[in-house]
Amino acid sequence: MHTVKSMFVMLMCTMLLGCVSQQSHERAIEELKLTSQNSAQEVSQLQEANKELEAVIEVQEQVKEQQLETLKNEMKTLYSQLTGLGNLSGATPANFSLGLEDDSVDFDDLTQAFKNVRSTLASKLSDYSQLHAQNDQLEESLQKLEARLRHVRAAREAQEDKLAKVRREVQTVGREIDRITKALEEKFGKSLVVTQHQDRLVLTMLGQVLFESGKAQLTPLGLDIMKQVGEVLATLPNKNIQVEGHTDNNPIYGRLQQQYPTNWELSTARATTVLRFLIEQTGMNPKDFSATGYADTRPAVPNDSEEGQAQNRRVEIALYPERVLQDNKTVATLTQ
C-alpha cells in the first residue's frame, strides 16, 4: 500500500513537472517572438535614421561644395583685381595659384589662401591710394606747367608780333634812309654808311668828317650831315636810338690830355655832342636816346694802317627795335 502511494505520488509529481516545463517552454517561445519583433522594429528604425543621416550628410556636402565654389570664384575675382592694381602701379602681384581647378584642394587651405589674397589686396589698395595721390599732385603740377606754357606762348606770340612790326618799321625806315643816304652820298661822298644788322640799323659817320682831330665839336660839314640825319630820325615812330663814339688806338697826348685824359673821354664826348644836337635841333624826346663811348675797344677794322685808323674813328647811330632806358633818362656811359 505504501508502495502504491509512493508510486502515485511520483506519477503526480512527474505530471506536475511536465506541465510546468511545457508552460515555461511556451513562455520562452513567446518571449523570443516578442524580442524578435522588437529587434525588427529597432532595425527598421535604425534604417530610417540611417537614411535621414545620409540625406543630411548629402545636403552638407552640397553646401560645402557650394561654399567651396563661391570661395573659388571670389578668389579669382580678388586675384583679377590684384593683377589690375599691380599693372597700374607697375608692380608684379603676388602669385596665389593653389590649383583652383583641382578638385582635391583642401577647404582649409583655400580659406587660408583667401585670407592671404585679401591681405595682399588691402596692401595693393593702399599702394594704389598713394599712387592716386601722387597722380593728383602730378596732374596739378602739369596743369600749372601747361598754364605757364600758355602764358609763355602768348608772350612769345606777342613778342613776335612786336618784332614783326619793328621789322616792318625798320624796313620802311631802311628804305627811307637808303633814299636819304643816296642823297647824302651824292653830297658828302662816303662820309655816311648805312648797314642793317639782325637787331638794329646802324648809321656810321667818319670822325674826321664830323670833328676836327682831338675835338668834340661838330664841323660845319658835320652839322650839315647831322641836320639831315636828324630830319630823317624825327620821322621814325617808337625810336630807341643809341649814339656810339669810337676812336683809333692812338693814345691822347700833350695838352689835349687836360680835357680828355684818354680815348674813353673823347669817344664819350663826341657821342654826347651828336646826341645833344639831335635832341636840340629836332625836338625829339630825350627818353628815346642814350650815348655810349667805346674808345678803341670795338674797332671796325684793324688799326695797323692809317687808313684802318681813319675808319675806326667814327660815330655810329644805332636804331634798336626795343630798348629800355634807365630811369627813362638820357644815359652817357663809359662802356668797357
C-alpha atoms as a PDB file:
ATOM      1  CA  MET A   1       0.000   0.000   0.000  1.00  0.00           C
ATOM      2  CA  HIS A   2       2.698   2.226   0.957  1.00  0.00           C
ATOM      3  CA  THR A   3       4.485   1.387  -2.228  1.00  0.00           C
ATOM      4  CA  VAL A   4       1.412   2.190  -4.317  1.00  0.00           C
ATOM      5  CA  LYS A   5       1.106   5.559  -2.665  1.00  0.00           C
ATOM      6  CA  SER A   6       4.658   6.308  -3.301  1.00  0.00           C
ATOM      7  CA  MET A   7       4.333   5.406  -6.948  1.00  0.00           C
ATOM      8  CA  PHE A   8       1.159   7.530  -7.189  1.00  0.00           C
ATOM      9  CA  VAL A   9       2.923  10.478  -5.660  1.00  0.00           C
ATOM     10  CA  MET A  10       5.833  10.088  -8.038  1.00  0.00           C
ATOM     11  CA  LEU A  11       3.438   9.893 -11.011  1.00  0.00           C
ATOM     12  CA  MET A  12       1.621  13.004  -9.892  1.00  0.00           C
ATOM     13  CA  CYS A  13       4.942  14.835  -9.449  1.00  0.00           C
ATOM     14  CA  THR A  14       6.073  13.759 -12.867  1.00  0.00           C
ATOM     15  CA  MET A  15       2.846  15.023 -14.432  1.00  0.00           C
ATOM     16  CA  LEU A  16       3.082  18.241 -12.494  1.00  0.00           C
ATOM     17  CA  LEU A  17       6.678  18.787 -13.557  1.00  0.00           C
ATOM     18  CA  GLY A  18       5.754  18.109 -17.171  1.00  0.00           C
ATOM     19  CA  CYS A  19       3.034  20.721 -17.051  1.00  0.00           C
ATOM     20  CA  VAL A  20       5.426  23.241 -15.549  1.00  0.00           C
ATOM     21  CA  SER A  21       8.089  22.531 -18.204  1.00  0.00           C
ATOM     22  CA  GLN A  22       5.592  22.872 -21.013  1.00  0.00           C
ATOM     23  CA  GLN A  23       4.392  26.241 -19.724  1.00  0.00           C
ATOM     24  CA  SER A  24       7.950  27.535 -19.326  1.00  0.00           C
ATOM     25  CA  HIS A  25       8.818  26.448 -22.866  1.00  0.00           C
ATOM     26  CA  GLU A  26       5.775  28.155 -24.322  1.00  0.00           C
ATOM     27  CA  ARG A  27       6.523  31.273 -22.329  1.00  0.00           C
ATOM     28  CA  ALA A  28      10.097  31.325 -23.593  1.00  0.00           C
ATOM     29  CA  ILE A  29       8.880  30.920 -27.158  1.00  0.00           C
ATOM     30  CA  GLU A  30       6.525  33.865 -26.704  1.00  0.00           C
ATOM     31  CA  GLU A  31       9.252  35.993 -25.209  1.00  0.00           C
ATOM     32  CA  LEU A  32      11.576  35.092 -28.104  1.00  0.00           C
ATOM     33  CA  LYS A  33       8.919  36.042 -30.631  1.00  0.00           C
ATOM     34  CA  LEU A  34       8.377  39.367 -28.849  1.00  0.00           C
ATOM     35  CA  THR A  35      12.106  40.049 -28.741  1.00  0.00           C
ATOM     36  CA  SER A  36      12.395  39.235 -32.427  1.00  0.00           C
ATOM     37  CA  GLN A  37       9.592  41.648 -33.265  1.00  0.00           C
ATOM     38  CA  ASN A  38      11.236  44.378 -31.163  1.00  0.00           C
ATOM     39  CA  SER A  39      14.563  43.781 -32.866  1.00  0.00           C
ATOM     40  CA  ALA A  40      12.973  44.001 -36.309  1.00  0.00           C
ATOM     41  CA  GLN A  41      11.297  47.247 -35.313  1.00  0.00           C
ATOM     42  CA  GLU A  42      14.573  48.645 -33.973  1.00  0.00           C
ATOM     43  CA  VAL A  43      16.358  47.609 -37.165  1.00  0.00           C
ATOM     44  CA  SER A  44      13.666  49.366 -39.206  1.00  0.00           C
ATOM     45  CA  GLN A  45      14.051  52.473 -37.065  1.00  0.00           C
ATOM     46  CA  LEU A  46      17.812  52.341 -37.433  1.00  0.00           C
ATOM     47  CA  GLN A  47      17.477  52.028 -41.200  1.00  0.00           C
ATOM     48  CA  GLU A  48      15.187  55.055 -41.314  1.00  0.00           C
ATOM     49  CA  ALA A  49      17.575  57.024 -39.093  1.00  0.00           C
ATOM     50  CA  ASN A  50      20.458  55.992 -41.324  1.00  0.00           C
ATOM     51  CA  LYS A  51      18.601  57.232 -44.423  1.00  0.00           C
ATOM     52  CA  GLU A  52      17.907  60.571 -42.720  1.00  0.00           C
ATOM     53  CA  LEU A  53      21.555  60.859 -41.691  1.00  0.00           C
ATOM     54  CA  GLU A  54      22.686  60.085 -45.223  1.00  0.00           C
ATOM     55  CA  ALA A  55      20.320  62.784 -46.550  1.00  0.00           C
ATOM     56  CA  VAL A  56      21.718  65.314 -44.036  1.00  0.00           C
ATOM     57  CA  ILE A  57      25.275  64.388 -44.975  1.00  0.00           C
ATOM     58  CA  GLU A  58      24.454  64.808 -48.680  1.00  0.00           C
ATOM     59  CA  VAL A  59      22.961  68.247 -48.030  1.00  0.00           C
ATOM     60  CA  GLN A  60      26.034  69.241 -46.005  1.00  0.00           C
ATOM     61  CA  GLU A  61      28.281  68.033 -48.815  1.00  0.00           C
ATOM     62  CA  GLN A  62      26.289  70.075 -51.318  1.00  0.00           C
ATOM     63  CA  VAL A  63      26.523  73.166 -49.077  1.00  0.00           C
ATOM     64  CA  LYS A  64      30.232  72.540 -48.641  1.00  0.00           C
ATOM     65  CA  GLU A  65      30.693  72.276 -52.429  1.00  0.00           C
ATOM     66  CA  GLN A  66      28.704  75.475 -52.979  1.00  0.00           C
ATOM     67  CA  GLN A  67      30.795  77.316 -50.380  1.00  0.00           C
ATOM     68  CA  LEU A  68      33.937  75.962 -51.922  1.00  0.00           C
ATOM     69  CA  GLU A  69      32.844  77.100 -55.391  1.00  0.00           C
ATOM     70  CA  THR A  70      31.884  80.527 -54.018  1.00  0.00           C
ATOM     71  CA  LEU A  71      35.296  80.903 -52.389  1.00  0.00           C
ATOM     72  CA  LYS A  72      36.979  79.841 -55.625  1.00  0.00           C
ATOM     73  CA  ASN A  73      35.055  82.451 -57.617  1.00  0.00           C
ATOM     74  CA  GLU A  74      35.717  85.180 -55.055  1.00  0.00           C
ATOM     75  CA  MET A  75      39.422  84.310 -55.021  1.00  0.00           C
ATOM     76  CA  LYS A  76      39.514  84.548 -58.812  1.00  0.00           C
ATOM     77  CA  THR A  77      37.798  87.956 -58.653  1.00  0.00           C
ATOM     78  CA  LEU A  78      40.180  89.219 -55.983  1.00  0.00           C
ATOM     79  CA  TYR A  79      43.195  87.928 -57.886  1.00  0.00           C
ATOM     80  CA  SER A  80      41.936  89.673 -61.020  1.00  0.00           C
ATOM     81  CA  GLN A  81      41.614  92.943 -59.070  1.00  0.00           C
ATOM     82  CA  LEU A  82      45.055  92.366 -57.575  1.00  0.00           C
ATOM     83  CA  THR A  83      46.530  91.855 -61.026  1.00  0.00           C
ATOM     84  CA  GLY A  84      44.881  95.060 -62.252  1.00  0.00           C
ATOM     85  CA  LEU A  85      46.294  97.025 -59.331  1.00  0.00           C
ATOM     86  CA  GLY A  86      49.702  95.526 -59.964  1.00  0.00           C
ATOM     87  CA  ASN A  87      49.540  96.675 -63.585  1.00  0.00           C
ATOM     88  CA  LEU A  88      48.537 100.178 -62.506  1.00  0.00           C
ATOM     89  CA  SER A  89      51.401 100.503 -60.042  1.00  0.00           C
ATOM     90  CA  GLY A  90      53.940  98.806 -62.271  1.00  0.00           C
ATOM     91  CA  ALA A  91      54.425  96.078 -59.647  1.00  0.00           C
ATOM     92  CA  THR A  92      54.060  92.324 -60.080  1.00  0.00           C
ATOM     93  CA  PRO A  93      51.155  90.956 -57.987  1.00  0.00           C
ATOM     94  CA  ALA A  94      51.832  88.016 -55.683  1.00  0.00           C
ATOM     95  CA  ASN A  95      51.165  84.582 -57.131  1.00  0.00           C
ATOM     96  CA  PHE A  96      48.388  82.774 -55.223  1.00  0.00           C
ATOM     97  CA  SER A  97      47.998  79.876 -57.622  1.00  0.00           C
ATOM     98  CA  LEU A  98      46.871  76.944 -55.425  1.00  0.00           C
ATOM     99  CA  GLY A  99      45.309  74.750 -58.095  1.00  0.00           C
ATOM    100  CA  LEU A 100      41.889  76.339 -58.184  1.00  0.00           C
ATOM    101  CA  GLU A 101      40.763  73.918 -60.863  1.00  0.00           C
ATOM    102  CA  ASP A 102      41.898  70.911 -58.829  1.00  0.00           C
ATOM    103  CA  ASP A 103      39.001  69.109 -57.066  1.00  0.00           C
ATOM    104  CA  SER A 104      41.374  67.799 -54.415  1.00  0.00           C
ATOM    105  CA  VAL A 105      42.096  71.256 -53.000  1.00  0.00           C
ATOM    106  CA  ASP A 106      41.647  71.202 -49.248  1.00  0.00           C
ATOM    107  CA  PHE A 107      38.910  73.503 -47.971  1.00  0.00           C
ATOM    108  CA  ASP A 108      41.021  74.854 -45.086  1.00  0.00           C
ATOM    109  CA  ASP A 109      43.986  75.629 -47.385  1.00  0.00           C
ATOM    110  CA  LEU A 110      41.735  77.530 -49.753  1.00  0.00           C
ATOM    111  CA  THR A 111      40.363  79.565 -46.856  1.00  0.00           C
ATOM    112  CA  GLN A 112      43.889  80.497 -45.780  1.00  0.00           C
ATOM    113  CA  ALA A 113      44.764  81.406 -49.341  1.00  0.00           C
ATOM    114  CA  PHE A 114      41.610  83.503 -49.495  1.00  0.00           C
ATOM    115  CA  LYS A 115      42.758  85.378 -46.377  1.00  0.00           C
ATOM    116  CA  ASN A 116      46.192  85.894 -47.935  1.00  0.00           C
ATOM    117  CA  VAL A 117      44.628  87.326 -51.086  1.00  0.00           C
ATOM    118  CA  ARG A 118      42.501  89.711 -49.039  1.00  0.00           C
ATOM    119  CA  SER A 119      45.568  90.860 -47.068  1.00  0.00           C
ATOM    120  CA  THR A 120      47.609  91.403 -50.225  1.00  0.00           C
ATOM    121  CA  LEU A 121      44.706  93.176 -51.895  1.00  0.00           C
ATOM    122  CA  ALA A 122      44.433  95.541 -48.933  1.00  0.00           C
ATOM    123  CA  SER A 123      48.155  96.305 -49.287  1.00  0.00           C
ATOM    124  CA  LYS A 124      47.776  96.904 -53.037  1.00  0.00           C
ATOM    125  CA  LEU A 125      44.786  99.164 -52.419  1.00  0.00           C
ATOM    126  CA  SER A 126      46.957 101.193 -50.029  1.00  0.00           C
ATOM    127  CA  ASP A 127      49.680 101.429 -52.696  1.00  0.00           C
ATOM    128  CA  TYR A 128      47.059 102.409 -55.258  1.00  0.00           C
ATOM    129  CA  SER A 129      45.772 105.151 -52.968  1.00  0.00           C
ATOM    130  CA  GLN A 130      49.296 106.539 -52.635  1.00  0.00           C
ATOM    131  CA  LEU A 131      49.811 106.354 -56.385  1.00  0.00           C
ATOM    132  CA  HIS A 132      46.459 108.070 -56.906  1.00  0.00           C
ATOM    133  CA  ALA A 133      47.506 110.878 -54.550  1.00  0.00           C
ATOM    134  CA  GLN A 134      50.835 111.211 -56.375  1.00  0.00           C
ATOM    135  CA  ASN A 135      48.979 111.242 -59.685  1.00  0.00           C
ATOM    136  CA  ASP A 136      46.758 114.063 -58.411  1.00  0.00           C
ATOM    137  CA  GLN A 137      49.880 116.051 -57.466  1.00  0.00           C
ATOM    138  CA  LEU A 138      51.414 115.389 -60.873  1.00  0.00           C
ATOM    139  CA  GLU A 139      48.172 116.440 -62.569  1.00  0.00           C
ATOM    140  CA  GLU A 140      48.189 119.684 -60.588  1.00  0.00           C
ATOM    141  CA  SER A 141      51.840 120.314 -61.491  1.00  0.00           C
ATOM    142  CA  LEU A 142      51.078 119.507 -65.122  1.00  0.00           C
ATOM    143  CA  GLN A 143      48.177 121.952 -65.158  1.00  0.00           C
ATOM    144  CA  LYS A 144      50.447 124.654 -63.704  1.00  0.00           C
ATOM    145  CA  LEU A 145      53.098 123.889 -66.315  1.00  0.00           C
ATOM    146  CA  GLU A 146      50.510 123.966 -69.085  1.00  0.00           C
ATOM    147  CA  ALA A 147      49.210 127.310 -67.813  1.00  0.00           C
ATOM    148  CA  ARG A 148      52.758 128.636 -67.682  1.00  0.00           C
ATOM    149  CA  LEU A 149      53.424 127.270 -71.163  1.00  0.00           C
ATOM    150  CA  ARG A 150      50.302 129.006 -72.470  1.00  0.00           C
ATOM    151  CA  HIS A 151      51.490 132.225 -70.844  1.00  0.00           C
ATOM    152  CA  VAL A 152      54.960 131.834 -72.368  1.00  0.00           C
ATOM    153  CA  ARG A 153      53.465 131.059 -75.771  1.00  0.00           C
ATOM    154  CA  ALA A 154      51.203 134.092 -75.552  1.00  0.00           C
ATOM    155  CA  ALA A 155      54.147 136.260 -74.512  1.00  0.00           C
ATOM    156  CA  ARG A 156      56.261 134.839 -77.325  1.00  0.00           C
ATOM    157  CA  GLU A 157      53.500 135.430 -79.861  1.00  0.00           C
ATOM    158  CA  ALA A 158      53.120 138.990 -78.607  1.00  0.00           C
ATOM    159  CA  GLN A 159      56.888 139.465 -78.822  1.00  0.00           C
ATOM    160  CA  GLU A 160      56.923 138.008 -82.330  1.00  0.00           C
ATOM    161  CA  ASP A 161      54.132 140.391 -83.311  1.00  0.00           C
ATOM    162  CA  LYS A 162      56.129 143.295 -81.922  1.00  0.00           C
ATOM    163  CA  LEU A 163      59.252 142.066 -83.649  1.00  0.00           C
ATOM    164  CA  ALA A 164      57.419 141.712 -86.953  1.00  0.00           C
ATOM    165  CA  LYS A 165      56.049 145.228 -86.529  1.00  0.00           C
ATOM    166  CA  VAL A 166      59.508 146.564 -85.733  1.00  0.00           C
ATOM    167  CA  ARG A 167      60.963 144.734 -88.721  1.00  0.00           C
ATOM    168  CA  ARG A 168      58.371 146.307 -90.967  1.00  0.00           C
ATOM    169  CA  GLU A 169      59.152 149.693 -89.473  1.00  0.00           C
ATOM    170  CA  VAL A 170      62.873 149.079 -89.845  1.00  0.00           C
ATOM    171  CA  GLN A 171      62.377 148.056 -93.446  1.00  0.00           C
ATOM    172  CA  THR A 172      60.322 151.173 -94.068  1.00  0.00           C
ATOM    173  CA  VAL A 173      62.885 153.291 -92.280  1.00  0.00           C
ATOM    174  CA  GLY A 174      65.652 151.476 -94.104  1.00  0.00           C
ATOM    175  CA  ARG A 175      64.145 152.340 -97.459  1.00  0.00           C
ATOM    176  CA  GLU A 176      63.776 155.959 -96.384  1.00  0.00           C
ATOM    177  CA  ILE A 177      67.306 156.068 -95.049  1.00  0.00           C
ATOM    178  CA  ASP A 178      68.579 154.457 -98.254  1.00  0.00           C
ATOM    179  CA  ARG A 179      66.928 157.262-100.157  1.00  0.00           C
ATOM    180  CA  ILE A 180      68.437 159.870 -97.835  1.00  0.00           C
ATOM    181  CA  THR A 181      71.780 158.052 -97.858  1.00  0.00           C
ATOM    182  CA  LYS A 182      71.976 158.231-101.640  1.00  0.00           C
ATOM    183  CA  ALA A 183      71.251 161.916-101.453  1.00  0.00           C
ATOM    184  CA  LEU A 184      73.880 162.325 -98.713  1.00  0.00           C
ATOM    185  CA  GLU A 185      76.420 160.252-100.621  1.00  0.00           C
ATOM    186  CA  GLU A 186      75.951 162.432-103.668  1.00  0.00           C
ATOM    187  CA  LYS A 187      76.641 165.452-101.480  1.00  0.00           C
ATOM    188  CA  PHE A 188      79.061 164.073 -98.860  1.00  0.00           C
ATOM    189  CA  GLY A 189      80.547 161.051-100.624  1.00  0.00           C
ATOM    190  CA  LYS A 190      81.202 158.044 -98.407  1.00  0.00           C
ATOM    191  CA  SER A 191      81.033 160.083 -95.224  1.00  0.00           C
ATOM    192  CA  LEU A 192      77.856 158.236 -94.153  1.00  0.00           C
ATOM    193  CA  VAL A 193      77.262 154.491 -94.469  1.00  0.00           C
ATOM    194  CA  VAL A 194      74.073 152.620 -93.520  1.00  0.00           C
ATOM    195  CA  THR A 195      74.183 148.934 -92.520  1.00  0.00           C
ATOM    196  CA  GLN A 196      71.335 146.728 -91.327  1.00  0.00           C
ATOM    197  CA  HIS A 197      72.012 144.088 -88.665  1.00  0.00           C
ATOM    198  CA  GLN A 198      69.692 141.454 -87.197  1.00  0.00           C
ATOM    199  CA  ASP A 199      68.663 143.567 -84.199  1.00  0.00           C
ATOM    200  CA  ARG A 200      69.448 147.115 -85.287  1.00  0.00           C
ATOM    201  CA  LEU A 201      70.013 149.577 -88.088  1.00  0.00           C
ATOM    202  CA  VAL A 202      73.347 151.436 -87.921  1.00  0.00           C
ATOM    203  CA  LEU A 203      74.342 154.788 -89.479  1.00  0.00           C
ATOM    204  CA  THR A 204      78.129 155.144 -89.484  1.00  0.00           C
ATOM    205  CA  MET A 205      79.817 158.558 -89.936  1.00  0.00           C
ATOM    206  CA  LEU A 206      83.577 159.029 -90.071  1.00  0.00           C
ATOM    207  CA  GLY A 207      85.011 161.075 -87.238  1.00  0.00           C
ATOM    208  CA  GLN A 208      87.168 163.282 -89.463  1.00  0.00           C
ATOM    209  CA  VAL A 209      84.031 164.439 -91.302  1.00  0.00           C
ATOM    210  CA  LEU A 210      82.147 165.319 -88.113  1.00  0.00           C
ATOM    211  CA  PHE A 211      85.013 166.525 -85.902  1.00  0.00           C
ATOM    212  CA  GLU A 212      88.445 168.014 -86.116  1.00  0.00           C
ATOM    213  CA  SER A 213      91.289 165.935 -84.736  1.00  0.00           C
ATOM    214  CA  GLY A 214      91.187 165.646 -80.926  1.00  0.00           C
ATOM    215  CA  LYS A 215      87.987 167.719 -80.636  1.00  0.00           C
ATOM    216  CA  ALA A 216      84.328 167.007 -79.853  1.00  0.00           C
ATOM    217  CA  GLN A 217      82.656 169.978 -81.590  1.00  0.00           C
ATOM    218  CA  LEU A 218      80.851 169.322 -84.888  1.00  0.00           C
ATOM    219  CA  THR A 219      82.424 170.806 -88.006  1.00  0.00           C
ATOM    220  CA  PRO A 220      80.235 172.812 -90.427  1.00  0.00           C
ATOM    221  CA  LEU A 221      80.044 169.722 -92.635  1.00  0.00           C
ATOM    222  CA  GLY A 222      79.238 167.609 -89.592  1.00  0.00           C
ATOM    223  CA  LEU A 223      76.431 169.991 -88.625  1.00  0.00           C
ATOM    224  CA  ASP A 224      75.006 169.788 -92.144  1.00  0.00           C
ATOM    225  CA  ILE A 225      75.127 165.977 -92.136  1.00  0.00           C
ATOM    226  CA  MET A 226      73.614 165.662 -88.661  1.00  0.00           C
ATOM    227  CA  LYS A 227      70.844 168.116 -89.524  1.00  0.00           C
ATOM    228  CA  GLN A 228      69.706 165.992 -92.446  1.00  0.00           C
ATOM    229  CA  VAL A 229      70.109 162.784 -90.451  1.00  0.00           C
ATOM    230  CA  GLY A 230      68.046 164.305 -87.617  1.00  0.00           C
ATOM    231  CA  GLU A 231      65.246 165.173 -90.051  1.00  0.00           C
ATOM    232  CA  VAL A 232      65.062 161.509 -91.050  1.00  0.00           C
ATOM    233  CA  LEU A 233      65.200 160.196 -87.462  1.00  0.00           C
ATOM    234  CA  ALA A 234      62.487 162.614 -86.354  1.00  0.00           C
ATOM    235  CA  THR A 235      60.000 160.910 -88.694  1.00  0.00           C
ATOM    236  CA  LEU A 236      60.547 157.446 -87.168  1.00  0.00           C
ATOM    237  CA  PRO A 237      57.944 156.087 -84.714  1.00  0.00           C
ATOM    238  CA  ASN A 238      58.902 154.333 -81.448  1.00  0.00           C
ATOM    239  CA  LYS A 239      62.510 155.435 -81.636  1.00  0.00           C
ATOM    240  CA  ASN A 240      65.168 153.772 -79.456  1.00  0.00           C
ATOM    241  CA  ILE A 241      68.426 155.349 -80.528  1.00  0.00           C
ATOM    242  CA  GLN A 242      71.915 154.846 -79.145  1.00  0.00           C
ATOM    243  CA  VAL A 243      74.762 157.116 -80.221  1.00  0.00           C
ATOM    244  CA  GLU A 244      78.146 155.362 -80.007  1.00  0.00           C
ATOM    245  CA  GLY A 245      81.560 157.058 -80.108  1.00  0.00           C
ATOM    246  CA  HIS A 246      84.652 155.131 -81.311  1.00  0.00           C
ATOM    247  CA  THR A 247      88.344 156.088 -81.650  1.00  0.00           C
ATOM    248  CA  ASP A 248      91.531 154.539 -83.052  1.00  0.00           C
ATOM    249  CA  ASN A 249      94.207 153.099 -80.798  1.00  0.00           C
ATOM    250  CA  ASN A 250      96.409 156.206 -80.703  1.00  0.00           C
ATOM    251  CA  PRO A 251      96.584 157.479 -77.113  1.00  0.00           C
ATOM    252  CA  ILE A 252      95.776 161.047 -76.138  1.00  0.00           C
ATOM    253  CA  TYR A 253      98.928 163.115 -75.571  1.00  0.00           C
ATOM    254  CA  GLY A 254     100.043 166.701 -74.958  1.00  0.00           C
ATOM    255  CA  ARG A 255      97.816 169.486 -73.717  1.00  0.00           C
ATOM    256  CA  LEU A 256      94.764 167.604 -75.037  1.00  0.00           C
ATOM    257  CA  GLN A 257      95.077 165.238 -72.065  1.00  0.00           C
ATOM    258  CA  GLN A 258      93.928 168.047 -69.784  1.00  0.00           C
ATOM    259  CA  GLN A 259      90.493 167.903 -71.423  1.00  0.00           C
ATOM    260  CA  TYR A 260      90.394 164.264 -72.493  1.00  0.00           C
ATOM    261  CA  PRO A 261      92.768 162.129 -70.435  1.00  0.00           C
ATOM    262  CA  THR A 262      92.039 159.016 -72.513  1.00  0.00           C
ATOM    263  CA  ASN A 263      90.129 157.909 -75.596  1.00  0.00           C
ATOM    264  CA  TRP A 264      87.255 156.969 -73.293  1.00  0.00           C
ATOM    265  CA  GLU A 265      86.504 160.581 -72.507  1.00  0.00           C
ATOM    266  CA  LEU A 266      86.959 161.653 -76.133  1.00  0.00           C
ATOM    267  CA  SER A 267      84.672 158.954 -77.580  1.00  0.00           C
ATOM    268  CA  THR A 268      82.007 159.651 -74.952  1.00  0.00           C
ATOM    269  CA  ALA A 269      82.164 163.418 -75.504  1.00  0.00           C
ATOM    270  CA  ARG A 270      81.687 163.013 -79.289  1.00  0.00           C
ATOM    271  CA  ALA A 271      78.722 160.666 -78.794  1.00  0.00           C
ATOM    272  CA  THR A 272      77.152 163.113 -76.325  1.00  0.00           C
ATOM    273  CA  THR A 273      77.679 166.032 -78.741  1.00  0.00           C
ATOM    274  CA  VAL A 274      75.811 164.205 -81.524  1.00  0.00           C
ATOM    275  CA  LEU A 275      73.055 163.198 -79.096  1.00  0.00           C
ATOM    276  CA  ARG A 276      72.545 166.779 -77.852  1.00  0.00           C
ATOM    277  CA  PHE A 277      72.448 168.133 -81.407  1.00  0.00           C
ATOM    278  CA  LEU A 278      69.770 165.639 -82.485  1.00  0.00           C
ATOM    279  CA  ILE A 279      67.613 166.401 -79.450  1.00  0.00           C
ATOM    280  CA  GLU A 280      68.023 170.189 -79.519  1.00  0.00           C
ATOM    281  CA  GLN A 281      67.705 170.658 -83.278  1.00  0.00           C
ATOM    282  CA  THR A 282      64.833 168.222 -83.925  1.00  0.00           C
ATOM    283  CA  GLY A 283      62.892 168.384 -80.649  1.00  0.00           C
ATOM    284  CA  MET A 284      62.916 164.571 -80.267  1.00  0.00           C
ATOM    285  CA  ASN A 285      62.218 163.068 -76.841  1.00  0.00           C
ATOM    286  CA  PRO A 286      65.428 162.608 -74.769  1.00  0.00           C
ATOM    287  CA  LYS A 287      63.940 159.378 -73.363  1.00  0.00           C
ATOM    288  CA  ASP A 288      64.459 157.777 -76.762  1.00  0.00           C
ATOM    289  CA  PHE A 289      68.235 158.321 -76.635  1.00  0.00           C
ATOM    290  CA  SER A 290      71.369 157.043 -74.949  1.00  0.00           C
ATOM    291  CA  ALA A 291      75.064 157.896 -75.533  1.00  0.00           C
ATOM    292  CA  THR A 292      77.981 155.491 -75.093  1.00  0.00           C
ATOM    293  CA  GLY A 293      81.729 155.795 -75.520  1.00  0.00           C
ATOM    294  CA  TYR A 294      83.678 152.666 -76.538  1.00  0.00           C
ATOM    295  CA  ALA A 295      87.136 154.268 -77.063  1.00  0.00           C
ATOM    296  CA  ASP A 296      89.218 151.856 -79.196  1.00  0.00           C
ATOM    297  CA  THR A 297      87.682 148.620 -77.800  1.00  0.00           C
ATOM    298  CA  ARG A 298      85.480 147.910 -80.840  1.00  0.00           C
ATOM    299  CA  PRO A 299      87.464 148.640 -83.996  1.00  0.00           C
ATOM    300  CA  ALA A 300      85.679 148.181 -87.319  1.00  0.00           C
ATOM    301  CA  VAL A 301      88.960 147.156 -88.976  1.00  0.00           C
ATOM    302  CA  PRO A 302      92.483 146.503 -87.668  1.00  0.00           C
ATOM    303  CA  ASN A 303      94.410 149.585 -86.531  1.00  0.00           C
ATOM    304  CA  ASP A 304      97.554 148.528 -88.401  1.00  0.00           C
ATOM    305  CA  SER A 305      97.397 151.321 -91.001  1.00  0.00           C
ATOM    306  CA  GLU A 306      96.449 154.986 -91.254  1.00  0.00           C
ATOM    307  CA  GLU A 307      93.505 154.041 -93.449  1.00  0.00           C
ATOM    308  CA  GLY A 308      92.287 151.486 -90.871  1.00  0.00           C
ATOM    309  CA  GLN A 309      92.689 154.004 -88.036  1.00  0.00           C
ATOM    310  CA  ALA A 310      90.700 156.563 -90.045  1.00  0.00           C
ATOM    311  CA  GLN A 311      87.825 154.100 -90.431  1.00  0.00           C
ATOM    312  CA  ASN A 312      87.855 153.309 -86.703  1.00  0.00           C
ATOM    313  CA  ARG A 313      87.484 156.997 -85.767  1.00  0.00           C
ATOM    314  CA  ARG A 314      83.750 157.124 -86.195  1.00  0.00           C
ATOM    315  CA  VAL A 315      80.338 157.860 -84.677  1.00  0.00           C
ATOM    316  CA  GLU A 316      77.543 155.289 -85.062  1.00  0.00           C
ATOM    317  CA  ILE A 317      73.836 155.882 -84.591  1.00  0.00           C
ATOM    318  CA  ALA A 318      72.151 152.542 -83.794  1.00  0.00           C
ATOM    319  CA  LEU A 319      68.365 152.186 -84.062  1.00  0.00           C
ATOM    320  CA  TYR A 320      67.126 149.303 -81.824  1.00  0.00           C
ATOM    321  CA  PRO A 321      63.636 147.748 -82.075  1.00  0.00           C
ATOM    322  CA  GLU A 322      63.145 147.652 -78.290  1.00  0.00           C
ATOM    323  CA  ARG A 323      65.320 149.238 -75.640  1.00  0.00           C
ATOM    324  CA  VAL A 324      64.722 150.133 -72.013  1.00  0.00           C
ATOM    325  CA  LEU A 325      66.493 153.277 -70.874  1.00  0.00           C
ATOM    326  CA  GLN A 326      67.475 153.514 -67.226  1.00  0.00           C
ATOM    327  CA  ASP A 327      65.121 155.812 -65.309  1.00  0.00           C
ATOM    328  CA  ASN A 328      63.788 156.998 -68.679  1.00  0.00           C
ATOM    329  CA  LYS A 329      66.684 159.456 -68.883  1.00  0.00           C
ATOM    330  CA  THR A 330      69.431 160.070 -71.374  1.00  0.00           C
ATOM    331  CA  VAL A 331      72.404 157.941 -70.380  1.00  0.00           C
ATOM    332  CA  ALA A 332      76.044 158.817 -71.086  1.00  0.00           C
ATOM    333  CA  THR A 333      78.287 155.940 -70.030  1.00  0.00           C
ATOM    334  CA  LEU A 334      81.874 154.766 -70.331  1.00  0.00           C
ATOM    335  CA  THR A 335      81.443 151.215 -71.572  1.00  0.00           C
ATOM    336  CA  GLN A 336      84.285 148.732 -71.304  1.00  0.00           C
END
